[in-house]
């Protein structure tokens, strides 16, 4: 006796879809992102890492830094805004990748972070930075 296969229903929308050996991520962001160039200092314990934020939203940022922070615990980001204000936010590492430098002889890290417990005042300041 041969069984009939049930018709395959499309998969519900997910944040990632496995396609062969590649992982394809859908854009599931809730806040618009803005390209920026903002100096940032990442403080993790006693370590300070200077870098640049290249992409910013109300809930997170993407930055380029020369070394990785301790990714187990949240860390502080000290962001120098164009208007002269300094914004200090707590963040956690979401993902990172390795990027070659312009001359190809070394590398930097591309690091995505999620902001944690952003106050209303800091959120207001971020909105101003995104304009």
N, C-alpha and C. Protein backbone atom coordinates (compact mmCIF):
# COMPACT_ATOMS: atom_id res chain seq x y z
N UNK A 1 0.83 -1.16 0.00
CA UNK A 1 0.00 0.00 0.00
C UNK A 1 0.89 1.24 0.00
N UNK A 2 0.63 2.15 -0.90
CA UNK A 2 1.42 3.35 -1.06
C UNK A 2 0.74 4.51 -0.36
N UNK A 3 1.53 5.25 0.44
CA UNK A 3 0.97 6.41 1.14
C UNK A 3 1.12 7.65 0.29
N UNK A 4 0.11 8.50 0.39
CA UNK A 4 0.20 9.79 -0.28
C UNK A 4 0.89 10.77 0.65
N UNK A 5 1.76 11.58 0.07
CA UNK A 5 2.40 12.62 0.86
C UNK A 5 1.48 13.80 1.00
N UNK A 6 1.46 14.37 2.17
CA UNK A 6 0.68 15.59 2.36
C UNK A 6 1.32 16.70 1.55
N UNK A 7 0.48 17.59 1.08
CA UNK A 7 1.00 18.74 0.35
C UNK A 7 1.87 19.55 1.30
N UNK A 8 3.03 19.97 0.82
CA UNK A 8 3.93 20.72 1.66
C UNK A 8 3.47 22.16 1.74
N UNK A 9 3.28 22.63 2.93
CA UNK A 9 2.89 24.02 3.15
C UNK A 9 4.14 24.88 3.21
N UNK A 10 4.04 26.12 2.79
CA UNK A 10 5.21 26.99 2.91
C UNK A 10 5.57 27.18 4.37
N UNK A 11 6.86 27.32 4.61
CA UNK A 11 7.32 27.53 5.98
C UNK A 11 6.88 28.90 6.47
N UNK A 12 6.54 29.01 7.74
CA UNK A 12 6.22 30.32 8.27
C UNK A 12 7.44 31.23 8.21
N UNK A 13 7.22 32.52 8.18
CA UNK A 13 8.31 33.48 8.12
C UNK A 13 9.22 33.33 9.32
N UNK A 14 10.51 33.23 9.06
CA UNK A 14 11.50 33.10 10.12
C UNK A 14 12.58 34.13 9.92
N UNK A 15 13.43 34.28 10.90
CA UNK A 15 14.50 35.26 10.78
C UNK A 15 15.67 34.72 9.97
N UNK A 16 15.74 33.41 9.77
CA UNK A 16 16.80 32.88 8.93
C UNK A 16 16.30 31.63 8.22
N UNK A 17 16.83 31.41 7.04
CA UNK A 17 16.45 30.26 6.24
C UNK A 17 17.73 29.56 5.83
N UNK A 18 17.80 28.25 6.03
CA UNK A 18 18.98 27.50 5.65
C UNK A 18 18.86 27.11 4.19
N UNK A 19 19.84 27.53 3.40
CA UNK A 19 19.82 27.25 1.97
C UNK A 19 21.13 26.57 1.61
N UNK A 20 21.12 25.26 1.53
CA UNK A 20 22.35 24.53 1.24
C UNK A 20 23.37 24.78 2.32
N UNK A 21 24.57 25.19 1.92
CA UNK A 21 25.61 25.47 2.90
C UNK A 21 25.57 26.92 3.38
N UNK A 22 24.68 27.73 2.79
CA UNK A 22 24.62 29.14 3.16
C UNK A 22 23.46 29.42 4.09
N UNK A 23 23.68 30.32 4.99
CA UNK A 23 22.61 30.77 5.87
C UNK A 23 22.17 32.14 5.37
N UNK A 24 20.95 32.25 4.92
CA UNK A 24 20.43 33.49 4.38
C UNK A 24 19.54 34.12 5.43
N UNK A 25 19.84 35.34 5.82
CA UNK A 25 19.07 36.01 6.85
C UNK A 25 18.11 37.00 6.22
N UNK A 26 16.87 36.96 6.69
CA UNK A 26 15.91 37.96 6.27
C UNK A 26 16.10 39.19 7.13
N UNK A 27 15.75 40.35 6.61
CA UNK A 27 15.86 41.58 7.36
C UNK A 27 14.69 41.70 8.30
N UNK A 28 14.91 41.42 9.58
CA UNK A 28 13.83 41.43 10.57
C UNK A 28 13.94 42.63 11.51
N UNK A 29 14.59 43.69 11.05
CA UNK A 29 14.79 44.85 11.91
C UNK A 29 13.49 45.62 12.09
N UNK A 30 13.34 46.19 13.29
CA UNK A 30 12.14 46.96 13.59
C UNK A 30 12.39 48.46 13.50
N UNK A 31 13.65 48.87 13.45
CA UNK A 31 14.00 50.29 13.41
C UNK A 31 14.91 50.55 12.21
N UNK A 32 14.72 51.68 11.55
CA UNK A 32 15.59 52.00 10.41
C UNK A 32 17.03 52.19 10.86
N UNK A 33 17.94 51.87 9.96
CA UNK A 33 19.36 52.04 10.23
C UNK A 33 19.87 53.21 9.40
N UNK A 34 20.85 53.91 9.96
CA UNK A 34 21.42 55.08 9.29
C UNK A 34 22.93 54.88 9.19
N UNK A 35 23.48 55.13 8.00
CA UNK A 35 24.93 55.10 7.83
C UNK A 35 25.51 56.32 8.52
N UNK A 36 26.52 56.09 9.35
CA UNK A 36 27.17 57.17 10.09
C UNK A 36 28.67 56.92 10.11
N UNK A 37 29.38 57.87 10.65
CA UNK A 37 30.80 57.71 10.93
C UNK A 37 31.04 58.39 12.27
N UNK A 38 30.92 57.61 13.35
CA UNK A 38 31.02 58.15 14.70
C UNK A 38 32.14 57.46 15.46
N UNK A 39 33.03 58.23 16.07
CA UNK A 39 34.05 57.60 16.92
C UNK A 39 33.39 56.94 18.12
N UNK A 40 33.90 55.78 18.50
CA UNK A 40 33.35 55.05 19.64
C UNK A 40 34.50 54.43 20.43
N UNK A 41 34.31 54.39 21.74
CA UNK A 41 35.24 53.67 22.61
C UNK A 41 34.44 52.59 23.32
N UNK A 42 34.88 51.37 23.16
CA UNK A 42 34.22 50.23 23.80
C UNK A 42 35.00 49.92 25.07
N UNK A 43 34.30 49.91 26.20
CA UNK A 43 34.96 49.66 27.49
C UNK A 43 34.45 48.33 28.04
N UNK A 44 35.38 47.39 28.19
CA UNK A 44 35.06 46.06 28.70
C UNK A 44 36.04 45.75 29.82
N UNK A 45 35.55 45.81 31.06
CA UNK A 45 36.46 45.63 32.20
C UNK A 45 37.44 46.79 32.22
N UNK A 46 38.73 46.49 32.21
CA UNK A 46 39.76 47.54 32.18
C UNK A 46 40.22 47.85 30.77
N UNK A 47 39.72 47.10 29.79
CA UNK A 47 40.14 47.30 28.40
C UNK A 47 39.32 48.37 27.71
N UNK A 48 39.99 49.19 26.90
CA UNK A 48 39.32 50.18 26.05
C UNK A 48 39.72 49.90 24.62
N UNK A 49 38.73 49.83 23.74
CA UNK A 49 38.97 49.58 22.33
C UNK A 49 38.35 50.73 21.55
N UNK A 50 39.16 51.43 20.78
CA UNK A 50 38.66 52.55 19.98
C UNK A 50 38.30 52.06 18.59
N UNK A 51 37.19 52.57 18.06
CA UNK A 51 36.75 52.17 16.74
C UNK A 51 35.82 53.20 16.14
N UNK A 52 35.04 52.74 15.17
CA UNK A 52 34.12 53.63 14.46
C UNK A 52 32.78 52.93 14.27
N UNK A 53 31.70 53.63 14.63
CA UNK A 53 30.35 53.14 14.33
C UNK A 53 30.05 53.54 12.89
N UNK A 54 29.63 52.58 12.09
CA UNK A 54 29.34 52.85 10.67
C UNK A 54 27.86 52.70 10.35
N UNK A 55 27.09 52.17 11.27
CA UNK A 55 25.67 51.91 11.06
C UNK A 55 24.99 51.99 12.42
N UNK A 56 23.90 52.78 12.52
CA UNK A 56 23.29 53.03 13.82
C UNK A 56 21.78 52.97 13.72
N UNK A 57 21.13 52.41 14.74
CA UNK A 57 19.67 52.43 14.85
C UNK A 57 19.33 52.68 16.32
N UNK A 58 18.05 52.73 16.63
CA UNK A 58 17.63 52.96 18.02
C UNK A 58 17.96 51.78 18.92
N UNK A 59 18.14 50.60 18.35
CA UNK A 59 18.34 49.41 19.17
C UNK A 59 19.74 48.81 19.09
N UNK A 60 20.58 49.33 18.19
CA UNK A 60 21.90 48.74 18.07
C UNK A 60 22.79 49.48 17.09
N UNK A 61 23.97 48.93 16.88
CA UNK A 61 24.94 49.57 15.99
C UNK A 61 25.83 48.50 15.37
N UNK A 62 26.48 48.90 14.29
CA UNK A 62 27.51 48.06 13.68
C UNK A 62 28.77 48.91 13.65
N UNK A 63 29.86 48.35 14.16
CA UNK A 63 31.09 49.12 14.23
C UNK A 63 32.28 48.32 13.74
N UNK A 64 33.34 49.03 13.47
CA UNK A 64 34.59 48.42 13.05
C UNK A 64 35.62 48.72 14.14
N UNK A 65 36.22 47.66 14.69
CA UNK A 65 37.18 47.81 15.78
C UNK A 65 38.38 46.88 15.53
N UNK A 66 39.55 47.22 16.11
CA UNK A 66 40.75 46.42 15.83
C UNK A 66 40.85 45.10 16.61
N UNK A 67 40.08 44.95 17.70
CA UNK A 67 40.10 43.71 18.46
C UNK A 67 38.73 43.45 19.06
N UNK A 68 38.49 42.22 19.44
CA UNK A 68 37.18 41.85 20.01
C UNK A 68 37.15 42.07 21.51
N UNK A 69 36.00 42.52 22.02
CA UNK A 69 35.84 42.63 23.47
C UNK A 69 35.47 41.27 24.05
N UNK A 70 35.43 41.20 25.37
CA UNK A 70 34.90 40.03 26.05
C UNK A 70 33.43 39.92 25.64
N UNK A 71 33.08 38.88 24.95
CA UNK A 71 31.72 38.77 24.41
C UNK A 71 30.75 38.07 25.36
N UNK A 72 31.21 37.69 26.54
CA UNK A 72 30.36 37.02 27.50
C UNK A 72 29.50 38.02 28.27
N UNK A 73 30.09 39.14 28.62
CA UNK A 73 29.39 40.14 29.43
C UNK A 73 29.08 41.39 28.61
N UNK A 74 28.02 42.13 29.00
CA UNK A 74 27.76 43.42 28.37
C UNK A 74 28.93 44.38 28.62
N UNK A 75 29.04 45.39 27.77
CA UNK A 75 30.11 46.37 27.88
C UNK A 75 29.54 47.76 27.63
N UNK A 76 30.33 48.76 27.89
CA UNK A 76 29.92 50.16 27.69
C UNK A 76 30.42 50.65 26.34
N UNK A 77 29.59 51.43 25.67
CA UNK A 77 29.99 52.13 24.46
C UNK A 77 29.96 53.62 24.76
N UNK A 78 31.05 54.30 24.49
CA UNK A 78 31.12 55.74 24.64
C UNK A 78 31.14 56.30 23.22
N UNK A 79 30.04 56.92 22.82
CA UNK A 79 29.85 57.39 21.45
C UNK A 79 29.99 58.91 21.41
N UNK A 80 30.90 59.39 20.56
CA UNK A 80 31.09 60.83 20.36
C UNK A 80 30.16 61.29 19.25
N UNK A 81 29.13 62.06 19.62
CA UNK A 81 28.14 62.54 18.65
C UNK A 81 28.62 63.81 17.96
N UNK A 82 28.14 64.06 16.74
CA UNK A 82 28.60 65.23 15.98
C UNK A 82 28.34 66.57 16.68
N UNK A 83 27.32 66.66 17.52
CA UNK A 83 27.00 67.93 18.19
C UNK A 83 27.87 68.17 19.42
N UNK A 84 28.85 67.30 19.67
CA UNK A 84 29.74 67.46 20.80
C UNK A 84 29.32 66.69 22.03
N UNK A 85 28.10 66.17 22.05
CA UNK A 85 27.65 65.37 23.19
C UNK A 85 28.29 63.99 23.16
N UNK A 86 28.36 63.39 24.33
CA UNK A 86 28.86 62.03 24.46
C UNK A 86 27.72 61.17 24.99
N UNK A 87 27.49 60.05 24.34
CA UNK A 87 26.43 59.13 24.75
C UNK A 87 27.09 57.85 25.26
N UNK A 88 26.71 57.42 26.46
CA UNK A 88 27.26 56.19 27.04
C UNK A 88 26.13 55.18 27.15
N UNK A 89 26.28 54.06 26.44
CA UNK A 89 25.25 53.03 26.41
C UNK A 89 25.84 51.67 26.78
N UNK A 90 25.03 50.83 27.35
CA UNK A 90 25.42 49.44 27.61
C UNK A 90 24.98 48.62 26.41
N UNK A 91 25.83 47.70 25.99
CA UNK A 91 25.54 46.90 24.79
C UNK A 91 26.04 45.47 24.99
N UNK A 92 25.52 44.59 24.13
CA UNK A 92 26.01 43.21 24.10
C UNK A 92 26.30 42.84 22.65
N UNK A 93 27.30 41.97 22.49
CA UNK A 93 27.71 41.53 21.17
C UNK A 93 26.65 40.60 20.58
N UNK A 94 26.26 40.85 19.33
CA UNK A 94 25.29 40.01 18.64
C UNK A 94 26.02 39.09 17.66
N UNK A 95 26.93 39.67 16.89
CA UNK A 95 27.71 38.88 15.92
C UNK A 95 28.94 39.68 15.53
N UNK A 96 29.90 38.99 14.91
CA UNK A 96 31.08 39.69 14.41
C UNK A 96 31.62 38.96 13.19
N UNK A 97 32.42 39.67 12.42
CA UNK A 97 33.11 39.06 11.30
C UNK A 97 34.50 39.67 11.18
N UNK A 98 35.32 39.06 10.38
CA UNK A 98 36.69 39.50 10.16
C UNK A 98 36.73 40.22 8.82
N UNK A 99 37.36 41.40 8.77
CA UNK A 99 37.43 42.19 7.55
C UNK A 99 38.88 42.59 7.28
N UNK A 100 39.34 42.40 6.04
CA UNK A 100 40.71 42.82 5.73
C UNK A 100 40.80 44.35 5.72
N UNK A 101 41.97 44.87 6.07
CA UNK A 101 42.18 46.31 5.99
C UNK A 101 42.44 46.69 4.54
N UNK A 102 42.54 47.97 4.28
CA UNK A 102 42.74 48.46 2.91
C UNK A 102 43.95 47.88 2.22
N UNK A 103 45.04 47.70 2.96
CA UNK A 103 46.25 47.16 2.33
C UNK A 103 46.28 45.63 2.32
N UNK A 104 45.32 45.00 2.99
CA UNK A 104 45.21 43.54 2.98
C UNK A 104 46.21 42.83 3.87
N UNK A 105 47.09 43.58 4.56
CA UNK A 105 48.11 42.93 5.38
C UNK A 105 47.62 42.57 6.78
N UNK A 106 46.50 43.14 7.20
CA UNK A 106 45.96 42.83 8.52
C UNK A 106 44.44 42.83 8.45
N UNK A 107 43.79 42.82 9.60
CA UNK A 107 42.33 42.77 9.60
C UNK A 107 41.76 43.58 10.76
N UNK A 108 40.48 43.87 10.66
CA UNK A 108 39.71 44.49 11.74
C UNK A 108 38.46 43.64 11.91
N UNK A 109 37.71 43.92 12.96
CA UNK A 109 36.47 43.18 13.20
C UNK A 109 35.27 44.06 12.93
N UNK A 110 34.30 43.52 12.23
CA UNK A 110 33.00 44.15 12.08
C UNK A 110 32.12 43.57 13.18
N UNK A 111 31.60 44.43 14.06
CA UNK A 111 30.90 43.96 15.25
C UNK A 111 29.50 44.57 15.31
N UNK A 112 28.49 43.70 15.41
CA UNK A 112 27.11 44.16 15.59
C UNK A 112 26.78 44.04 17.07
N UNK A 113 26.20 45.12 17.63
CA UNK A 113 25.83 45.12 19.04
C UNK A 113 24.36 45.52 19.19
N UNK A 114 23.79 45.07 20.28
CA UNK A 114 22.42 45.42 20.67
C UNK A 114 22.51 46.24 21.94
N UNK A 115 21.82 47.40 21.96
CA UNK A 115 21.81 48.23 23.15
C UNK A 115 20.91 47.60 24.22
N UNK A 116 21.30 47.75 25.48
CA UNK A 116 20.55 47.19 26.60
C UNK A 116 20.08 48.32 27.50
N UNK A 117 18.81 48.27 27.90
CA UNK A 117 18.26 49.23 28.87
C UNK A 117 18.54 50.68 28.51
N UNK A 118 18.13 51.09 27.33
CA UNK A 118 18.32 52.47 26.89
C UNK A 118 17.28 53.35 27.59
N UNK A 119 17.75 54.39 28.27
CA UNK A 119 16.83 55.29 28.97
C UNK A 119 16.06 56.14 27.96
N UNK A 120 14.98 56.73 28.38
CA UNK A 120 14.20 57.61 27.51
C UNK A 120 15.06 58.77 27.01
N UNK A 121 15.87 59.33 27.89
CA UNK A 121 16.74 60.45 27.51
C UNK A 121 17.76 60.02 26.46
N UNK A 122 18.38 58.85 26.66
CA UNK A 122 19.35 58.34 25.68
C UNK A 122 18.67 58.02 24.35
N UNK A 123 17.44 57.51 24.42
CA UNK A 123 16.68 57.22 23.20
C UNK A 123 16.43 58.52 22.43
N UNK A 124 16.07 59.57 23.14
CA UNK A 124 15.85 60.87 22.52
C UNK A 124 17.13 61.38 21.86
N UNK A 125 18.26 61.21 22.54
CA UNK A 125 19.55 61.62 21.99
C UNK A 125 19.89 60.80 20.74
N UNK A 126 19.59 59.50 20.77
CA UNK A 126 19.83 58.65 19.59
C UNK A 126 19.00 59.10 18.40
N UNK A 127 17.73 59.45 18.66
CA UNK A 127 16.86 59.91 17.58
C UNK A 127 17.48 61.14 16.91
N UNK A 128 18.02 62.05 17.73
CA UNK A 128 18.69 63.22 17.18
C UNK A 128 19.91 62.86 16.36
N UNK A 129 20.66 61.84 16.79
CA UNK A 129 21.85 61.41 16.05
C UNK A 129 21.50 60.74 14.74
N UNK A 130 20.29 60.19 14.65
CA UNK A 130 19.87 59.48 13.44
C UNK A 130 19.33 60.42 12.37
N UNK A 131 19.13 61.67 12.70
CA UNK A 131 18.59 62.63 11.71
C UNK A 131 19.61 63.16 10.79
